C-alpha cells in the first residue's frame, strides 16, 4: 500500500561522534528500503538533535547532511537532557505525518521501525518498542530495572515495562503530547496518558558498538526519582503512614515502660531515648526530603522557563 506519508526519525545525540558514522548509514538504509516499498515518502528525514555535545557530533551531522538527503538536525545552545531533546525533535518536525524516536547508539533494533510502521498503517497511533529480554544487561541493571517498573506500578504510574523511548507516534498523538506543558519531563509516563490506540512491537536489544553510555547509575537514579515524583503522590501519603507508625511505636513504648515500672524493672532509659531520637530525627529528615522534592518541582513548573533553546536548525531552514 503506497501512502506517501512523511516519516521523521527523531534521534537525540550527545557526544556521539564515534557512533554517527555507523548510525547514519544504517538508518538511511532502513528509510531507503521503506521508501522503495512505497510505505513512506521520499521526503522522510533522520532528525538528529545535538544535545549540547562537546565533541564533533554537530559538525558530523552537518557533514552528512551535505551528502545524504535523509539527514537533518538541530543543535541546542547547551545540554538540556535526553527528554528535552526528544521533545524538541517532536516539536520541530511539525510537518511529519508520523514520528519515530530512537537513540543514536543502535542498541534498539532499527529494523523494528518497519514493523512499527506496519502497525501504524493498520490503524495504531502509538507503537511501543519493547525489549523481549534483558539478557544483554548486567545482573545489577537487569534487576534494578525490574525493581523500577514494579515500584512505578505500585506508585500508580502507568508505564510500559521494558520500554524506553523507542516508539512510533502518529501526527495527532504527537500534537496531543505537545499540549502537556510540564517542565519535569518523563515521556515514558506521559505518552501512555495521551491515550489513542496503541500496540507493542518486540525486539532484541543490541550491545553498544562504540562510545559510552550516557545513562550512568547516578543519572538512572535521578531519572527514576523524576518519574515517580512527576506522576505519583504516593510518597506524600507514605509520610502520613510513617507518622501513624511512629505514633503506634511510641504508644507501645509508653505501655512497655509503664509495665516495667510496675515490676520495678525501670532502666536508666539511655538506649530507648537514643533510639527514639534517631528514629524520629530520621523520619523527619526523610519526610522533609520528600516534601522538598515535590516543592522543587512546583518551583520549576511555575517559572515556565523554556525547555530548550535551539542554536542551529538545518531541518526547518531547508
C-alpha atoms as a PDB file:
ATOM      1  CA  UNK A   1       0.000   0.000   0.000  1.00  0.00           C
ATOM      2  CA  UNK A   2       1.536   3.341  -1.051  1.00  0.00           C
ATOM      3  CA  UNK A   3       0.597   6.225   1.196  1.00  0.00           C
ATOM      4  CA  UNK A   4       3.375   8.774   0.752  1.00  0.00           C
ATOM      5  CA  UNK A   5       3.353   9.611   4.453  1.00  0.00           C
ATOM      6  CA  UNK A   6       6.313  11.621   5.697  1.00  0.00           C
ATOM      7  CA  UNK A   7       8.240   9.816   8.431  1.00  0.00           C
ATOM      8  CA  UNK A   8      10.679  11.690  10.654  1.00  0.00           C
ATOM      9  CA  UNK A   9      13.001   9.678  12.893  1.00  0.00           C
ATOM     10  CA  UNK A  10      13.998  11.829  15.894  1.00  0.00           C
ATOM     11  CA  UNK A  11      17.431  10.836  17.235  1.00  0.00           C
ATOM     12  CA  UNK A  12      18.880  12.546  20.345  1.00  0.00           C
ATOM     13  CA  UNK A  13      22.678  12.664  20.183  1.00  0.00           C
ATOM     14  CA  UNK A  14      25.043  13.675  22.968  1.00  0.00           C
ATOM     15  CA  UNK A  15      28.769  13.199  22.283  1.00  0.00           C
ATOM     16  CA  UNK A  16      28.100  10.507  19.662  1.00  0.00           C
ATOM     17  CA  UNK A  17      30.883  11.281  17.182  1.00  0.00           C
ATOM     18  CA  UNK A  18      32.045   7.649  17.344  1.00  0.00           C
ATOM     19  CA  UNK A  19      28.582   6.245  16.586  1.00  0.00           C
ATOM     20  CA  UNK A  20      27.305   8.613  13.886  1.00  0.00           C
ATOM     21  CA  UNK A  21      29.428   7.182  11.028  1.00  0.00           C
ATOM     22  CA  UNK A  22      27.802   3.827  11.811  1.00  0.00           C
ATOM     23  CA  UNK A  23      24.309   5.019  12.766  1.00  0.00           C
ATOM     24  CA  UNK A  24      23.609   7.341   9.821  1.00  0.00           C
ATOM     25  CA  UNK A  25      24.280   4.811   7.008  1.00  0.00           C
ATOM     26  CA  UNK A  26      22.419   2.057   8.879  1.00  0.00           C
ATOM     27  CA  UNK A  27      19.310   4.171   9.497  1.00  0.00           C
ATOM     28  CA  UNK A  28      19.436   5.638   5.991  1.00  0.00           C
ATOM     29  CA  UNK A  29      19.367   2.134   4.568  1.00  0.00           C
ATOM     30  CA  UNK A  30      16.198   1.328   6.542  1.00  0.00           C
ATOM     31  CA  UNK A  31      14.492   4.518   5.342  1.00  0.00           C
ATOM     32  CA  UNK A  32      15.568   3.894   1.773  1.00  0.00           C
ATOM     33  CA  UNK A  33      14.080   0.406   1.943  1.00  0.00           C
ATOM     34  CA  UNK A  34      10.744   1.758   3.216  1.00  0.00           C
ATOM     35  CA  UNK A  35      10.695   4.454   0.517  1.00  0.00           C
ATOM     36  CA  UNK A  36      11.325   1.815  -2.153  1.00  0.00           C
ATOM     37  CA  UNK A  37       8.470  -0.258  -0.729  1.00  0.00           C
ATOM     38  CA  UNK A  38       6.143   2.745  -1.007  1.00  0.00           C
ATOM     39  CA  UNK A  39       5.495   2.844   2.739  1.00  0.00           C
ATOM     40  CA  UNK A  40       6.861   6.358   3.311  1.00  0.00           C
ATOM     41  CA  UNK A  41       7.552   9.488   1.302  1.00  0.00           C
ATOM     42  CA  UNK A  42      10.979  10.213  -0.158  1.00  0.00           C
ATOM     43  CA  UNK A  43      10.883  13.471   1.847  1.00  0.00           C
ATOM     44  CA  UNK A  44      11.199  11.479   5.092  1.00  0.00           C
ATOM     45  CA  UNK A  45      14.044  12.523   7.382  1.00  0.00           C
ATOM     46  CA  UNK A  46      16.500  11.497  10.053  1.00  0.00           C
ATOM     47  CA  UNK A  47      16.314  14.407  12.515  1.00  0.00           C
ATOM     48  CA  UNK A  48      19.338  14.402  14.832  1.00  0.00           C
ATOM     49  CA  UNK A  49      19.068  16.533  17.977  1.00  0.00           C
ATOM     50  CA  UNK A  50      22.521  17.534  19.212  1.00  0.00           C
ATOM     51  CA  UNK A  51      22.049  17.936  22.964  1.00  0.00           C
ATOM     52  CA  UNK A  52      24.894  20.368  23.561  1.00  0.00           C
ATOM     53  CA  UNK A  53      27.664  17.934  22.639  1.00  0.00           C
ATOM     54  CA  UNK A  54      31.268  18.881  23.372  1.00  0.00           C
ATOM     55  CA  UNK A  55      32.772  16.680  20.646  1.00  0.00           C
ATOM     56  CA  UNK A  56      32.319  16.704  16.849  1.00  0.00           C
ATOM     57  CA  UNK A  57      28.716  15.462  16.882  1.00  0.00           C
ATOM     58  CA  UNK A  58      27.211  18.586  15.273  1.00  0.00           C
ATOM     59  CA  UNK A  59      29.919  19.063  12.598  1.00  0.00           C
ATOM     60  CA  UNK A  60      29.438  15.396  11.646  1.00  0.00           C
ATOM     61  CA  UNK A  61      25.679  15.861  11.346  1.00  0.00           C
ATOM     62  CA  UNK A  62      26.240  18.878   9.093  1.00  0.00           C
ATOM     63  CA  UNK A  63      28.816  16.974   7.071  1.00  0.00           C
ATOM     64  CA  UNK A  64      26.472  14.061   6.432  1.00  0.00           C
ATOM     65  CA  UNK A  65      23.630  16.463   5.620  1.00  0.00           C
ATOM     66  CA  UNK A  66      25.604  17.637   2.580  1.00  0.00           C
ATOM     67  CA  UNK A  67      25.839  14.130   1.117  1.00  0.00           C
ATOM     68  CA  UNK A  68      22.740  12.358   2.494  1.00  0.00           C
ATOM     69  CA  UNK A  69      19.270  13.692   1.650  1.00  0.00           C
ATOM     70  CA  UNK A  70      17.741  11.959   4.685  1.00  0.00           C
ATOM     71  CA  UNK A  71      19.953  13.741   7.247  1.00  0.00           C
ATOM     72  CA  UNK A  72      18.962  16.941   9.033  1.00  0.00           C
ATOM     73  CA  UNK A  73      19.470  18.243  12.530  1.00  0.00           C
ATOM     74  CA  UNK A  74      19.048  20.815  15.256  1.00  0.00           C
ATOM     75  CA  UNK A  75      21.655  21.810  17.821  1.00  0.00           C
ATOM     76  CA  UNK A  76      20.947  23.012  21.365  1.00  0.00           C
ATOM     77  CA  UNK A  77      22.714  26.039  22.833  1.00  0.00           C
ATOM     78  CA  UNK A  78      23.742  23.795  25.754  1.00  0.00           C
ATOM     79  CA  UNK A  79      22.951  20.397  27.248  1.00  0.00           C
ATOM     80  CA  UNK A  80      19.244  20.235  28.171  1.00  0.00           C
ATOM     81  CA  UNK A  81      18.903  16.473  28.637  1.00  0.00           C
ATOM     82  CA  UNK A  82      17.644  13.470  26.714  1.00  0.00           C
ATOM     83  CA  UNK A  83      13.917  14.016  27.350  1.00  0.00           C
ATOM     84  CA  UNK A  84      14.016  17.636  26.205  1.00  0.00           C
ATOM     85  CA  UNK A  85      15.956  16.575  23.117  1.00  0.00           C
ATOM     86  CA  UNK A  86      13.142  14.183  22.224  1.00  0.00           C
ATOM     87  CA  UNK A  87      10.532  16.892  22.769  1.00  0.00           C
ATOM     88  CA  UNK A  88      12.479  19.338  20.618  1.00  0.00           C
ATOM     89  CA  UNK A  89      12.576  16.843  17.755  1.00  0.00           C
ATOM     90  CA  UNK A  90       8.838  16.225  18.059  1.00  0.00           C
ATOM     91  CA  UNK A  91       8.129  19.958  18.112  1.00  0.00           C
ATOM     92  CA  UNK A  92      10.355  20.855  15.170  1.00  0.00           C
ATOM     93  CA  UNK A  93       9.078  18.044  12.934  1.00  0.00           C
ATOM     94  CA  UNK A  94       5.594  19.539  12.778  1.00  0.00           C
ATOM     95  CA  UNK A  95       5.277  18.662   9.073  1.00  0.00           C
ATOM     96  CA  UNK A  96       5.707  14.915   9.708  1.00  0.00           C
ATOM     97  CA  UNK A  97       2.760  12.547   9.372  1.00  0.00           C
ATOM     98  CA  UNK A  98       4.375  10.015  11.679  1.00  0.00           C
ATOM     99  CA  UNK A  99       7.394  10.201  14.019  1.00  0.00           C
ATOM    100  CA  UNK A 100       9.695   7.538  15.454  1.00  0.00           C
ATOM    101  CA  UNK A 101      12.023   8.326  18.370  1.00  0.00           C
ATOM    102  CA  UNK A 102      15.153   6.229  18.866  1.00  0.00           C
ATOM    103  CA  UNK A 103      18.603   6.679  20.409  1.00  0.00           C
ATOM    104  CA  UNK A 104      21.745   7.059  18.304  1.00  0.00           C
ATOM    105  CA  UNK A 105      23.639   4.123  19.845  1.00  0.00           C
ATOM    106  CA  UNK A 106      21.932   1.414  17.677  1.00  0.00           C
ATOM    107  CA  UNK A 107      21.111  -0.648  20.771  1.00  0.00           C
ATOM    108  CA  UNK A 108      17.453  -0.503  19.745  1.00  0.00           C
ATOM    109  CA  UNK A 109      16.807  -2.627  16.648  1.00  0.00           C
ATOM    110  CA  UNK A 110      16.407  -0.174  13.767  1.00  0.00           C
ATOM    111  CA  UNK A 111      14.858  -2.913  11.628  1.00  0.00           C
ATOM    112  CA  UNK A 112      11.895  -2.924  14.035  1.00  0.00           C
ATOM    113  CA  UNK A 113      10.990   0.531  12.669  1.00  0.00           C
ATOM    114  CA  UNK A 114       9.493  -1.080   9.583  1.00  0.00           C
ATOM    115  CA  UNK A 115       7.265  -3.330  11.707  1.00  0.00           C
ATOM    116  CA  UNK A 116       6.268  -0.270  13.749  1.00  0.00           C
ATOM    117  CA  UNK A 117       5.231   1.497  10.552  1.00  0.00           C
ATOM    118  CA  UNK A 118       3.204  -1.556   9.514  1.00  0.00           C
ATOM    119  CA  UNK A 119       1.301  -1.372  12.822  1.00  0.00           C
ATOM    120  CA  UNK A 120       0.706   2.347  12.181  1.00  0.00           C
ATOM    121  CA  UNK A 121      -0.720   1.525   8.752  1.00  0.00           C
ATOM    122  CA  UNK A 122      -3.060  -0.925  10.473  1.00  0.00           C
ATOM    123  CA  UNK A 123      -4.510   1.986  12.466  1.00  0.00           C
ATOM    124  CA  UNK A 124      -2.416   2.276  15.627  1.00  0.00           C
ATOM    125  CA  UNK A 125      -1.442   5.786  16.763  1.00  0.00           C
ATOM    126  CA  UNK A 126       1.277   4.756  19.227  1.00  0.00           C
ATOM    127  CA  UNK A 127       3.594   1.785  18.750  1.00  0.00           C
ATOM    128  CA  UNK A 128       5.941   0.986  21.634  1.00  0.00           C
ATOM    129  CA  UNK A 129       9.280  -0.704  21.007  1.00  0.00           C
ATOM    130  CA  UNK A 130       9.610  -3.233  23.838  1.00  0.00           C
ATOM    131  CA  UNK A 131      12.630  -5.360  24.648  1.00  0.00           C
ATOM    132  CA  UNK A 132      11.870  -9.082  24.553  1.00  0.00           C
ATOM    133  CA  UNK A 133      14.586  -9.856  27.121  1.00  0.00           C
ATOM    134  CA  UNK A 134      17.329  -8.256  29.235  1.00  0.00           C
ATOM    135  CA  UNK A 135      19.992 -10.885  28.654  1.00  0.00           C
ATOM    136  CA  UNK A 136      22.496  -8.279  27.421  1.00  0.00           C
ATOM    137  CA  UNK A 137      22.215  -6.302  30.698  1.00  0.00           C
ATOM    138  CA  UNK A 138      24.413  -6.784  33.733  1.00  0.00           C
ATOM    139  CA  UNK A 139      22.887  -8.536  36.747  1.00  0.00           C
ATOM    140  CA  UNK A 140      22.584  -5.220  38.583  1.00  0.00           C
ATOM    141  CA  UNK A 141      20.987  -3.316  35.701  1.00  0.00           C
ATOM    142  CA  UNK A 142      18.555  -6.143  34.919  1.00  0.00           C
ATOM    143  CA  UNK A 143      17.308  -6.398  38.496  1.00  0.00           C
ATOM    144  CA  UNK A 144      17.315  -2.662  39.161  1.00  0.00           C
ATOM    145  CA  UNK A 145      15.170  -2.165  36.035  1.00  0.00           C
ATOM    146  CA  UNK A 146      12.740  -4.847  37.221  1.00  0.00           C
ATOM    147  CA  UNK A 147      12.553  -3.145  40.627  1.00  0.00           C
ATOM    148  CA  UNK A 148      11.964   0.234  38.944  1.00  0.00           C
ATOM    149  CA  UNK A 149       8.995  -0.974  36.874  1.00  0.00           C
ATOM    150  CA  UNK A 150       7.438  -2.734  39.862  1.00  0.00           C
ATOM    151  CA  UNK A 151       7.910   0.357  42.012  1.00  0.00           C
ATOM    152  CA  UNK A 152       6.348   2.605  39.372  1.00  0.00           C
ATOM    153  CA  UNK A 153       3.386   0.244  39.168  1.00  0.00           C
ATOM    154  CA  UNK A 154       2.950   0.279  42.952  1.00  0.00           C
ATOM    155  CA  UNK A 155       3.134   4.065  42.928  1.00  0.00           C
ATOM    156  CA  UNK A 156       0.257   4.189  40.444  1.00  0.00           C
ATOM    157  CA  UNK A 157       2.304   5.392  37.451  1.00  0.00           C
ATOM    158  CA  UNK A 158       1.374   3.688  34.178  1.00  0.00           C
ATOM    159  CA  UNK A 159       4.442   2.738  32.133  1.00  0.00           C
ATOM    160  CA  UNK A 160       5.198   0.092  29.514  1.00  0.00           C
ATOM    161  CA  UNK A 161       7.565  -2.470  31.042  1.00  0.00           C
ATOM    162  CA  UNK A 162      10.924  -2.855  29.249  1.00  0.00           C
ATOM    163  CA  UNK A 163      10.123   0.128  27.028  1.00  0.00           C
ATOM    164  CA  UNK A 164      12.492   3.093  26.939  1.00  0.00           C
ATOM    165  CA  UNK A 165      11.960   5.866  24.367  1.00  0.00           C
ATOM    166  CA  UNK A 166      11.870   3.795  21.178  1.00  0.00           C
ATOM    167  CA  UNK A 167       8.363   4.439  19.899  1.00  0.00           C
ATOM    168  CA  UNK A 168       6.277   5.496  16.912  1.00  0.00           C
ATOM    169  CA  UNK A 169       3.648   8.221  17.219  1.00  0.00           C
ATOM    170  CA  UNK A 170       1.074   9.460  14.729  1.00  0.00           C
ATOM    171  CA  UNK A 171       0.628  13.155  13.994  1.00  0.00           C
ATOM    172  CA  UNK A 172      -2.408  13.523  16.250  1.00  0.00           C
ATOM    173  CA  UNK A 173      -0.759  11.708  19.166  1.00  0.00           C
ATOM    174  CA  UNK A 174       2.332  13.939  18.866  1.00  0.00           C
ATOM    175  CA  UNK A 175       0.137  17.041  18.795  1.00  0.00           C
ATOM    176  CA  UNK A 176      -1.682  15.819  21.908  1.00  0.00           C
ATOM    177  CA  UNK A 177       1.633  15.135  23.670  1.00  0.00           C
ATOM    178  CA  UNK A 178       2.927  18.626  22.919  1.00  0.00           C
ATOM    179  CA  UNK A 179      -0.097  20.062  24.733  1.00  0.00           C
ATOM    180  CA  UNK A 180       1.399  18.847  28.029  1.00  0.00           C
ATOM    181  CA  UNK A 181       3.171  21.929  29.458  1.00  0.00           C
ATOM    182  CA  UNK A 182       5.207  20.458  32.329  1.00  0.00           C
ATOM    183  CA  UNK A 183       8.942  21.125  32.566  1.00  0.00           C
ATOM    184  CA  UNK A 184       9.723  17.996  34.576  1.00  0.00           C
ATOM    185  CA  UNK A 185       9.526  15.672  31.589  1.00  0.00           C
ATOM    186  CA  UNK A 186       9.163  11.892  31.892  1.00  0.00           C
ATOM    187  CA  UNK A 187       7.923  10.763  28.487  1.00  0.00           C
ATOM    188  CA  UNK A 188       7.584   7.095  29.458  1.00  0.00           C
ATOM    189  CA  UNK A 189       4.831   8.199  31.823  1.00  0.00           C
ATOM    190  CA  UNK A 190       3.292  10.987  29.737  1.00  0.00           C
ATOM    191  CA  UNK A 191       2.853   9.117  26.429  1.00  0.00           C
ATOM    192  CA  UNK A 192       0.548   6.403  27.887  1.00  0.00           C
ATOM    193  CA  UNK A 193      -1.604   9.214  29.337  1.00  0.00           C
ATOM    194  CA  UNK A 194      -2.103  10.696  25.874  1.00  0.00           C
ATOM    195  CA  UNK A 195      -4.257   7.715  25.009  1.00  0.00           C
ATOM    196  CA  UNK A 196      -5.149   6.667  21.440  1.00  0.00           C
ATOM    197  CA  UNK A 197      -4.871   3.155  20.099  1.00  0.00           C
ATOM    198  CA  UNK A 198      -1.521   1.541  20.916  1.00  0.00           C
ATOM    199  CA  UNK A 199       0.344  -1.732  20.475  1.00  0.00           C
ATOM    200  CA  UNK A 200       3.765  -3.186  21.334  1.00  0.00           C
ATOM    201  CA  UNK A 201       6.459  -4.359  18.917  1.00  0.00           C
ATOM    202  CA  UNK A 202       9.071  -6.663  20.472  1.00  0.00           C
ATOM    203  CA  UNK A 203      12.752  -6.724  19.566  1.00  0.00           C
ATOM    204  CA  UNK A 204      16.123  -7.918  20.851  1.00  0.00           C
ATOM    205  CA  UNK A 205      18.341  -5.156  22.204  1.00  0.00           C
ATOM    206  CA  UNK A 206      21.901  -4.968  20.892  1.00  0.00           C
ATOM    207  CA  UNK A 207      25.182  -4.165  22.590  1.00  0.00           C
ATOM    208  CA  UNK A 208      26.535  -0.628  22.124  1.00  0.00           C
ATOM    209  CA  UNK A 209      29.080  -0.786  19.291  1.00  0.00           C
ATOM    210  CA  UNK A 210      31.232   2.145  20.383  1.00  0.00           C
ATOM    211  CA  UNK A 211      31.205   5.161  22.643  1.00  0.00           C
ATOM    212  CA  UNK A 212      29.978   5.149  26.224  1.00  0.00           C
ATOM    213  CA  UNK A 213      26.549   5.010  27.849  1.00  0.00           C
ATOM    214  CA  UNK A 214      25.006   8.414  28.502  1.00  0.00           C
ATOM    215  CA  UNK A 215      22.995   6.992  31.421  1.00  0.00           C
ATOM    216  CA  UNK A 216      25.375   6.067  34.265  1.00  0.00           C
ATOM    217  CA  UNK A 217      23.984   4.933  37.638  1.00  0.00           C
ATOM    218  CA  UNK A 218      23.596   8.466  39.028  1.00  0.00           C
ATOM    219  CA  UNK A 219      21.512   9.638  36.059  1.00  0.00           C
ATOM    220  CA  UNK A 220      19.424   6.461  36.155  1.00  0.00           C
ATOM    221  CA  UNK A 221      18.545   7.027  39.824  1.00  0.00           C
ATOM    222  CA  UNK A 222      17.657  10.675  39.158  1.00  0.00           C
ATOM    223  CA  UNK A 223      15.558   9.631  36.154  1.00  0.00           C
ATOM    224  CA  UNK A 224      13.672   7.097  38.302  1.00  0.00           C
ATOM    225  CA  UNK A 225      13.024   9.678  41.029  1.00  0.00           C
ATOM    226  CA  UNK A 226      11.772  12.168  38.420  1.00  0.00           C
ATOM    227  CA  UNK A 227       9.396   9.542  37.068  1.00  0.00           C
ATOM    228  CA  UNK A 228       7.963   8.741  40.488  1.00  0.00           C
ATOM    229  CA  UNK A 229       7.601  12.299  41.775  1.00  0.00           C
ATOM    230  CA  UNK A 230       6.234  13.607  38.458  1.00  0.00           C
ATOM    231  CA  UNK A 231       3.354  11.136  38.297  1.00  0.00           C
ATOM    232  CA  UNK A 232       2.567   9.895  41.782  1.00  0.00           C
ATOM    233  CA  UNK A 233       1.603  11.426  45.141  1.00  0.00           C
ATOM    234  CA  UNK A 234       2.068   8.094  46.919  1.00  0.00           C
ATOM    235  CA  UNK A 235       5.338   9.208  48.600  1.00  0.00           C
ATOM    236  CA  UNK A 236       3.409  12.083  50.201  1.00  0.00           C
ATOM    237  CA  UNK A 237       0.807   9.649  51.520  1.00  0.00           C
ATOM    238  CA  UNK A 238       3.620   7.471  52.849  1.00  0.00           C
ATOM    239  CA  UNK A 239       4.644  10.340  55.144  1.00  0.00           C
ATOM    240  CA  UNK A 240       1.221  10.135  56.797  1.00  0.00           C
ATOM    241  CA  UNK A 241       1.596   6.391  57.318  1.00  0.00           C
ATOM    242  CA  UNK A 242       5.111   6.943  58.664  1.00  0.00           C
ATOM    243  CA  UNK A 243       3.633   9.344  61.215  1.00  0.00           C
ATOM    244  CA  UNK A 244       0.960   6.785  62.156  1.00  0.00           C
ATOM    245  CA  UNK A 245       3.611   4.065  62.552  1.00  0.00           C
ATOM    246  CA  UNK A 246       5.769   6.371  64.688  1.00  0.00           C
ATOM    247  CA  UNK A 247       2.799   7.166  66.914  1.00  0.00           C
ATOM    248  CA  UNK A 248       1.952   3.473  67.266  1.00  0.00           C
ATOM    249  CA  UNK A 249       5.529   2.597  68.231  1.00  0.00           C
ATOM    250  CA  UNK A 250       5.537   5.459  70.750  1.00  0.00           C
ATOM    251  CA  UNK A 251       2.340   4.165  72.377  1.00  0.00           C
ATOM    252  CA  UNK A 252       3.811   0.643  72.590  1.00  0.00           C
ATOM    253  CA  UNK A 253       6.974   2.011  74.229  1.00  0.00           C
ATOM    254  CA  UNK A 254       4.921   4.034  76.735  1.00  0.00           C
ATOM    255  CA  UNK A 255       2.865   0.965  77.712  1.00  0.00           C
ATOM    256  CA  UNK A 256       6.027  -1.154  77.953  1.00  0.00           C
ATOM    257  CA  UNK A 257       7.730   1.466  80.153  1.00  0.00           C
ATOM    258  CA  UNK A 258       4.695   1.629  82.443  1.00  0.00           C
ATOM    259  CA  UNK A 259       4.604  -2.182  82.811  1.00  0.00           C
ATOM    260  CA  UNK A 260       8.336  -2.299  83.530  1.00  0.00           C
ATOM    261  CA  UNK A 261       7.874   0.415  86.164  1.00  0.00           C
ATOM    262  CA  UNK A 262       5.144  -1.608  87.908  1.00  0.00           C
ATOM    263  CA  UNK A 263       7.511  -4.615  88.084  1.00  0.00           C
ATOM    264  CA  UNK A 264      10.341  -2.499  89.433  1.00  0.00           C
ATOM    265  CA  UNK A 265      12.469  -3.024  86.315  1.00  0.00           C
ATOM    266  CA  UNK A 266      12.877   0.617  85.393  1.00  0.00           C
ATOM    267  CA  UNK A 267      16.083   1.111  83.408  1.00  0.00           C
ATOM    268  CA  UNK A 268      18.132   4.250  83.109  1.00  0.00           C
ATOM    269  CA  UNK A 269      16.500   4.943  79.747  1.00  0.00           C
ATOM    270  CA  UNK A 270      19.536   5.804  77.701  1.00  0.00           C
ATOM    271  CA  UNK A 271      19.024   3.165  74.929  1.00  0.00           C
ATOM    272  CA  UNK A 272      15.328   3.862  74.460  1.00  0.00           C
ATOM    273  CA  UNK A 273      15.942   7.604  74.495  1.00  0.00           C
ATOM    274  CA  UNK A 274      18.628   7.444  71.811  1.00  0.00           C
ATOM    275  CA  UNK A 275      16.587   5.050  69.653  1.00  0.00           C
ATOM    276  CA  UNK A 276      13.609   7.400  69.850  1.00  0.00           C
ATOM    277  CA  UNK A 277      15.701  10.451  68.940  1.00  0.00           C
ATOM    278  CA  UNK A 278      17.369   8.760  65.976  1.00  0.00           C
ATOM    279  CA  UNK A 279      14.096   7.232  64.761  1.00  0.00           C
ATOM    280  CA  UNK A 280      12.132  10.460  64.932  1.00  0.00           C
ATOM    281  CA  UNK A 281      15.020  12.518  63.542  1.00  0.00           C
ATOM    282  CA  UNK A 282      15.465  10.181  60.586  1.00  0.00           C
ATOM    283  CA  UNK A 283      11.715  10.110  59.901  1.00  0.00           C
ATOM    284  CA  UNK A 284      11.557  13.896  59.915  1.00  0.00           C
ATOM    285  CA  UNK A 285      14.522  14.255  57.565  1.00  0.00           C
ATOM    286  CA  UNK A 286      13.078  11.726  55.110  1.00  0.00           C
ATOM    287  CA  UNK A 287       9.697  13.467  55.233  1.00  0.00           C
ATOM    288  CA  UNK A 288      11.285  16.873  54.700  1.00  0.00           C
ATOM    289  CA  UNK A 289      13.269  15.478  51.763  1.00  0.00           C
ATOM    290  CA  UNK A 290      10.162  14.065  50.079  1.00  0.00           C
ATOM    291  CA  UNK A 291       8.274  17.317  50.570  1.00  0.00           C
ATOM    292  CA  UNK A 292      11.291  19.222  49.245  1.00  0.00           C
ATOM    293  CA  UNK A 293      11.404  17.084  46.104  1.00  0.00           C
ATOM    294  CA  UNK A 294       7.776  17.924  45.288  1.00  0.00           C
ATOM    295  CA  UNK A 295       8.207  21.579  46.244  1.00  0.00           C
ATOM    296  CA  UNK A 296      11.245  21.800  43.965  1.00  0.00           C
ATOM    297  CA  UNK A 297       9.217  20.502  41.033  1.00  0.00           C
ATOM    298  CA  UNK A 298       6.481  23.084  41.712  1.00  0.00           C
ATOM    299  CA  UNK A 299       9.229  25.750  41.862  1.00  0.00           C
ATOM    300  CA  UNK A 300      10.468  24.882  38.355  1.00  0.00           C
ATOM    301  CA  UNK A 301       6.967  24.401  36.911  1.00  0.00           C
ATOM    302  CA  UNK A 302       5.636  27.803  37.957  1.00  0.00           C
ATOM    303  CA  UNK A 303       8.617  29.589  36.382  1.00  0.00           C
ATOM    304  CA  UNK A 304       7.582  28.284  32.946  1.00  0.00           C
ATOM    305  CA  UNK A 305      11.129  28.614  31.611  1.00  0.00           C
ATOM    306  CA  UNK A 306      11.797  27.297  28.087  1.00  0.00           C
ATOM    307  CA  UNK A 307      12.610  23.583  27.986  1.00  0.00           C
ATOM    308  CA  UNK A 308      15.416  24.216  25.491  1.00  0.00           C
ATOM    309  CA  UNK A 309      16.994  26.795  23.183  1.00  0.00           C
ATOM    310  CA  UNK A 310      17.962  25.862  19.641  1.00  0.00           C
ATOM    311  CA  UNK A 311      21.226  27.362  18.393  1.00  0.00           C
ATOM    312  CA  UNK A 312      21.197  25.879  14.869  1.00  0.00           C
ATOM    313  CA  UNK A 313      18.427  24.306  12.816  1.00  0.00           C
ATOM    314  CA  UNK A 314      19.060  22.585   9.485  1.00  0.00           C
ATOM    315  CA  UNK A 315      15.647  20.884   9.493  1.00  0.00           C
ATOM    316  CA  UNK A 316      13.404  23.956   9.352  1.00  0.00           C
ATOM    317  CA  UNK A 317      15.898  26.042   7.356  1.00  0.00           C
ATOM    318  CA  UNK A 318      15.994  23.612   4.463  1.00  0.00           C
END
